[in-house]
N, C-alpha and C. Protein backbone atom coordinates (compact mmCIF):
# COMPACT_ATOMS: atom_id res chain seq x y z
N MET A 1 -13.21 -9.53 8.00
CA MET A 1 -11.65 -8.81 7.80
C MET A 1 -10.73 -10.40 7.97
N LYS A 2 -9.96 -10.27 7.21
CA LYS A 2 -9.16 -11.77 6.84
C LYS A 2 -7.75 -11.45 7.88
N THR A 3 -7.78 -12.89 8.06
CA THR A 3 -6.30 -12.70 9.14
C THR A 3 -5.36 -13.94 8.35
N ILE A 4 -4.00 -13.82 9.00
CA ILE A 4 -3.14 -14.80 8.80
C ILE A 4 -2.64 -14.99 10.14
N GLN A 5 -2.47 -16.63 10.11
CA GLN A 5 -1.76 -16.62 11.52
C GLN A 5 -0.01 -16.45 10.86
N PRO A 6 0.51 -15.70 12.66
CA PRO A 6 2.51 -15.60 11.93
C PRO A 6 2.87 -17.05 11.35
N GLU A 7 2.99 -18.30 11.83
CA GLU A 7 3.39 -19.10 11.19
C GLU A 7 3.47 -19.10 9.61
N LYS A 8 1.93 -18.73 8.43
CA LYS A 8 1.79 -19.10 7.78
C LYS A 8 2.06 -17.50 6.86
N LEU A 9 2.57 -16.85 7.69
CA LEU A 9 3.30 -15.70 7.26
C LEU A 9 5.04 -15.79 6.90
N GLN A 10 5.13 -16.30 8.36
CA GLN A 10 7.08 -16.43 8.06
C GLN A 10 6.66 -17.40 6.82
N GLU A 11 6.09 -18.68 6.98
CA GLU A 11 6.18 -19.60 5.79
C GLU A 11 6.36 -18.57 4.26
N LYS A 12 5.55 -17.84 4.07
CA LYS A 12 5.49 -16.87 2.93
C LYS A 12 6.85 -16.35 2.80
N LEU A 13 6.75 -15.27 3.95
CA LEU A 13 8.83 -14.72 3.88
C LEU A 13 9.86 -15.61 3.38
N GLU A 14 9.79 -16.81 4.23
CA GLU A 14 11.08 -17.97 3.76
C GLU A 14 10.83 -18.49 2.41
N ALA A 15 9.83 -18.48 1.99
CA ALA A 15 9.37 -19.05 0.75
C ALA A 15 9.71 -17.66 -0.81
N SER A 16 10.33 -16.77 -0.17
CA SER A 16 10.68 -15.48 -1.06
C SER A 16 9.80 -14.76 -1.34
N GLU A 17 7.93 -14.80 -0.71
CA GLU A 17 7.02 -14.70 -1.84
C GLU A 17 7.25 -12.96 -1.79
N LYS A 18 6.64 -12.01 -2.10
CA LYS A 18 6.77 -10.47 -2.02
C LYS A 18 5.08 -10.21 -0.68
N VAL A 19 5.34 -9.94 0.38
CA VAL A 19 4.42 -9.81 1.25
C VAL A 19 4.94 -8.67 1.43
N HIS A 20 3.63 -7.67 1.38
CA HIS A 20 3.61 -5.88 1.77
C HIS A 20 3.12 -6.14 3.10
N MET A 21 4.30 -5.91 4.91
CA MET A 21 3.69 -5.67 5.88
C MET A 21 3.38 -4.08 6.11
N ILE A 22 2.42 -4.18 7.00
CA ILE A 22 2.56 -2.48 7.77
C ILE A 22 2.60 -2.73 9.13
N ASP A 23 3.53 -2.20 10.28
CA ASP A 23 3.60 -2.55 11.49
C ASP A 23 2.55 -1.47 12.24
N VAL A 24 1.53 -1.35 12.92
CA VAL A 24 1.12 -0.30 13.49
C VAL A 24 1.12 -0.13 14.84
N ARG A 25 2.52 -0.70 15.62
CA ARG A 25 3.14 -0.33 16.90
C ARG A 25 3.40 1.19 17.31
N GLU A 26 3.48 1.36 17.90
CA GLU A 26 4.40 2.79 18.71
C GLU A 26 6.26 2.58 18.13
N ALA A 27 6.44 3.57 17.79
CA ALA A 27 7.76 3.43 18.09
C ALA A 27 8.35 2.54 19.08
N ASP A 28 8.81 2.72 20.48
CA ASP A 28 8.95 2.23 21.24
C ASP A 28 8.95 0.76 20.86
N GLU A 29 7.59 0.17 20.61
CA GLU A 29 7.29 -1.24 20.61
C GLU A 29 8.49 -1.54 19.39
N VAL A 30 8.54 -0.83 18.41
CA VAL A 30 9.07 -1.49 16.97
C VAL A 30 10.95 -1.44 17.40
N ALA A 31 11.36 -0.96 18.43
CA ALA A 31 12.21 -0.54 18.70
C ALA A 31 13.02 -1.93 19.18
N LYS A 32 12.27 -2.52 19.97
CA LYS A 32 12.85 -3.94 20.17
C LYS A 32 12.20 -4.86 19.00
N GLY A 33 11.85 -5.01 18.17
CA GLY A 33 11.72 -5.81 16.60
C GLY A 33 11.21 -5.72 15.70
N ILE A 34 11.24 -5.48 14.30
CA ILE A 34 10.10 -5.41 13.43
C ILE A 34 10.36 -6.66 13.27
N ILE A 35 9.64 -7.13 11.76
CA ILE A 35 9.52 -8.65 11.19
C ILE A 35 10.12 -7.39 9.92
N PRO A 36 11.35 -7.61 9.92
CA PRO A 36 12.33 -7.19 8.26
C PRO A 36 11.45 -7.66 6.85
N GLY A 37 11.59 -5.68 6.28
CA GLY A 37 10.64 -5.59 5.71
C GLY A 37 9.16 -4.77 5.86
N ALA A 38 8.83 -4.84 7.00
CA ALA A 38 8.01 -4.29 7.27
C ALA A 38 8.05 -3.11 7.58
N GLU A 39 6.62 -2.11 6.77
CA GLU A 39 6.76 -0.80 6.92
C GLU A 39 5.92 0.22 8.52
N HIS A 40 7.12 0.88 8.68
CA HIS A 40 6.63 1.22 10.22
C HIS A 40 5.63 2.72 10.41
N ILE A 41 3.69 1.92 10.74
CA ILE A 41 3.14 3.44 10.13
C ILE A 41 2.34 3.33 11.48
N PRO A 42 3.01 4.08 12.88
CA PRO A 42 1.97 4.21 14.10
C PRO A 42 0.44 4.28 13.86
N LEU A 43 -0.32 3.52 14.53
CA LEU A 43 -1.72 3.48 14.59
C LEU A 43 -2.24 4.98 14.27
N GLY A 44 -1.63 5.37 14.89
CA GLY A 44 -2.53 7.14 15.28
C GLY A 44 -2.33 7.43 14.12
N LEU A 45 -0.99 7.49 13.16
CA LEU A 45 -0.83 8.07 12.09
C LEU A 45 -1.50 7.26 10.46
N VAL A 46 -2.41 6.23 10.62
CA VAL A 46 -2.48 5.53 9.42
C VAL A 46 -3.56 6.39 8.82
N GLU A 47 -4.34 6.96 9.49
CA GLU A 47 -5.16 7.93 8.88
C GLU A 47 -4.91 9.29 8.35
N PHE A 48 -3.64 9.80 8.04
CA PHE A 48 -2.66 10.69 8.24
C PHE A 48 -2.06 10.14 6.61
N LYS A 49 -1.81 8.86 6.64
CA LYS A 49 -0.18 8.33 5.79
C LYS A 49 -0.87 7.12 4.66
N TYR A 50 -2.56 6.93 4.90
CA TYR A 50 -3.17 5.38 4.09
C TYR A 50 -3.37 6.23 2.67
N GLN A 51 -2.66 7.65 1.85
CA GLN A 51 -2.99 7.82 0.99
C GLN A 51 -1.62 7.52 0.00
N ASP A 52 -0.57 7.00 0.68
CA ASP A 52 0.69 7.16 0.52
C ASP A 52 0.82 5.79 0.06
N LEU A 53 -0.65 5.47 0.35
CA LEU A 53 -0.43 3.49 0.16
C LEU A 53 -0.57 3.51 -1.43
N ASP A 54 -0.72 1.74 -2.00
CA ASP A 54 -1.06 1.48 -3.05
C ASP A 54 -2.20 0.56 -3.01
N LYS A 55 -3.45 0.79 -3.54
CA LYS A 55 -4.54 0.14 -3.44
C LYS A 55 -4.23 -1.25 -4.38
N THR A 56 -3.44 -1.17 -4.92
CA THR A 56 -3.12 -2.52 -6.01
C THR A 56 -2.45 -3.82 -5.15
N LYS A 57 -2.07 -3.21 -3.99
CA LYS A 57 -1.07 -4.34 -3.35
C LYS A 57 -2.28 -4.67 -2.58
N GLU A 58 -1.87 -5.84 -1.58
CA GLU A 58 -2.39 -6.47 -0.64
C GLU A 58 -1.70 -6.20 0.58
N TYR A 59 -2.10 -5.68 1.45
CA TYR A 59 -1.45 -5.44 2.80
C TYR A 59 -1.36 -5.98 4.26
N VAL A 60 -0.18 -7.05 4.90
CA VAL A 60 -0.38 -7.47 5.85
C VAL A 60 -0.39 -6.59 7.45
N ILE A 61 -1.47 -6.51 8.09
CA ILE A 61 -1.31 -5.49 9.05
C ILE A 61 -0.64 -6.37 10.49
N ILE A 62 0.56 -5.08 11.17
CA ILE A 62 0.99 -6.54 12.68
C ILE A 62 0.98 -5.19 13.55
N CYS A 63 0.29 -5.63 14.41
CA CYS A 63 1.07 -4.94 15.86
C CYS A 63 1.31 -5.71 16.87
N ARG A 64 0.99 -5.50 17.93
CA ARG A 64 1.64 -5.95 19.62
C ARG A 64 0.93 -7.77 19.82
N SER A 65 -0.22 -7.78 19.71
CA SER A 65 -1.54 -8.61 19.85
C SER A 65 -2.47 -9.31 19.20
N GLY A 66 -3.02 -8.04 17.84
CA GLY A 66 -3.65 -8.33 16.74
C GLY A 66 -4.55 -7.26 16.69
N GLY A 67 -4.85 -6.73 18.14
CA GLY A 67 -6.53 -6.15 18.04
C GLY A 67 -5.75 -4.63 17.40
N ARG A 68 -4.28 -3.40 17.79
CA ARG A 68 -4.74 -2.35 16.58
C ARG A 68 -4.34 -3.07 15.59
N SER A 69 -3.98 -3.64 14.89
CA SER A 69 -3.79 -3.81 13.75
C SER A 69 -5.33 -4.25 12.98
N GLY A 70 -6.05 -4.67 14.29
CA GLY A 70 -7.30 -4.96 13.63
C GLY A 70 -8.47 -3.66 13.22
N MET A 71 -7.79 -2.93 14.23
CA MET A 71 -8.32 -1.43 14.10
C MET A 71 -8.28 -0.92 12.89
N ALA A 72 -6.80 -1.16 12.36
CA ALA A 72 -6.36 -1.07 11.14
C ALA A 72 -6.57 -1.07 9.94
N CYS A 73 -6.72 -2.37 10.09
CA CYS A 73 -7.73 -2.92 8.73
C CYS A 73 -9.01 -2.85 8.82
N GLN A 74 -9.96 -2.32 9.64
CA GLN A 74 -11.31 -1.77 9.56
C GLN A 74 -10.93 -0.44 8.30
N PHE A 75 -9.91 0.55 9.24
CA PHE A 75 -10.12 1.61 8.26
C PHE A 75 -9.79 1.46 7.08
N LEU A 76 -9.03 0.76 6.81
CA LEU A 76 -8.22 0.60 5.66
C LEU A 76 -8.85 0.18 4.59
N GLU A 77 -9.70 -1.19 4.88
CA GLU A 77 -10.70 -1.99 4.05
C GLU A 77 -11.94 -0.51 4.03
N GLY A 78 -12.27 0.20 4.97
CA GLY A 78 -12.86 1.18 4.43
C GLY A 78 -12.37 2.41 3.58
N GLN A 79 -11.56 2.38 3.15
CA GLN A 79 -10.47 3.22 2.50
C GLN A 79 -10.49 2.62 1.20
N GLY A 80 -10.89 1.12 0.49
CA GLY A 80 -10.73 -0.02 -0.10
C GLY A 80 -9.48 -0.32 -0.48
N PHE A 81 -8.73 -0.50 0.59
CA PHE A 81 -7.74 -1.78 0.67
C PHE A 81 -7.93 -2.62 1.28
N ASP A 82 -6.85 -3.82 0.40
CA ASP A 82 -6.83 -5.63 0.56
C ASP A 82 -5.82 -5.09 1.73
N VAL A 83 -6.58 -5.88 3.06
CA VAL A 83 -5.90 -5.90 3.91
C VAL A 83 -5.87 -7.00 4.72
N THR A 84 -4.68 -7.72 5.59
CA THR A 84 -4.87 -8.99 6.13
C THR A 84 -4.47 -8.65 7.74
N ASN A 85 -5.22 -8.88 9.08
CA ASN A 85 -4.89 -8.67 9.94
C ASN A 85 -3.66 -10.26 10.29
N MET A 86 -2.92 -9.62 10.88
CA MET A 86 -2.08 -10.86 11.37
C MET A 86 -2.04 -11.24 12.70
N SER A 87 -3.14 -12.94 13.00
CA SER A 87 -3.22 -12.48 14.26
C SER A 87 -2.74 -12.79 15.04
N GLY A 88 -2.75 -12.55 16.73
CA GLY A 88 -1.73 -13.00 17.97
C GLY A 88 -0.15 -11.55 17.46
N GLY A 89 -0.31 -11.09 16.58
CA GLY A 89 0.20 -10.11 16.77
C GLY A 89 2.13 -10.59 16.77
N MET A 90 2.60 -9.99 17.19
CA MET A 90 4.11 -9.86 17.35
C MET A 90 4.77 -10.94 19.08
N LEU A 91 3.01 -10.79 19.25
CA LEU A 91 3.67 -11.96 20.46
C LEU A 91 3.47 -13.40 19.98
N ASP A 92 3.22 -13.34 19.44
CA ASP A 92 3.14 -14.73 18.47
C ASP A 92 4.43 -14.86 17.80
N TRP A 93 5.09 -13.61 17.18
CA TRP A 93 5.66 -14.10 15.75
C TRP A 93 6.57 -14.30 16.48
N GLN A 94 7.51 -16.03 15.67
CA GLN A 94 8.61 -16.28 16.08
C GLN A 94 9.61 -16.72 15.18
N GLY A 95 9.94 -15.53 14.16
CA GLY A 95 10.68 -15.43 12.99
C GLY A 95 11.49 -14.83 13.27
N GLU A 96 12.40 -14.21 12.51
CA GLU A 96 13.49 -13.21 12.59
C GLU A 96 12.94 -11.84 12.54
N VAL A 97 13.34 -10.98 13.49
CA VAL A 97 13.13 -9.49 13.62
C VAL A 97 14.22 -8.80 13.20
N GLU A 98 14.64 -7.67 13.00
CA GLU A 98 15.33 -6.90 12.96
C GLU A 98 15.11 -5.72 14.00
N LEU A 99 16.02 -5.25 14.64
CA LEU A 99 16.48 -4.00 15.81
C LEU A 99 16.36 -2.86 15.34
């Protein structure tokens, strides 16, 4: 499984690179802040919503600490998606968040 450090993701966003991000945390966690531009799909819904995603795009998967996003990455990789897990999750994120 590919991983990206939060700092590297932040650099990409600050350089205005187009990054497709999916936050798999629960709604109450996302209400405390989400990376601007990230799409919210709770982990429990990933298996039902993955058909809406584009297999031609690369996705960075985000959760609180990296565990749930790792599970989402494994599932999505099995469905043929190009995904990268953000190591450390939002606990390690130092960048901007939207409430």
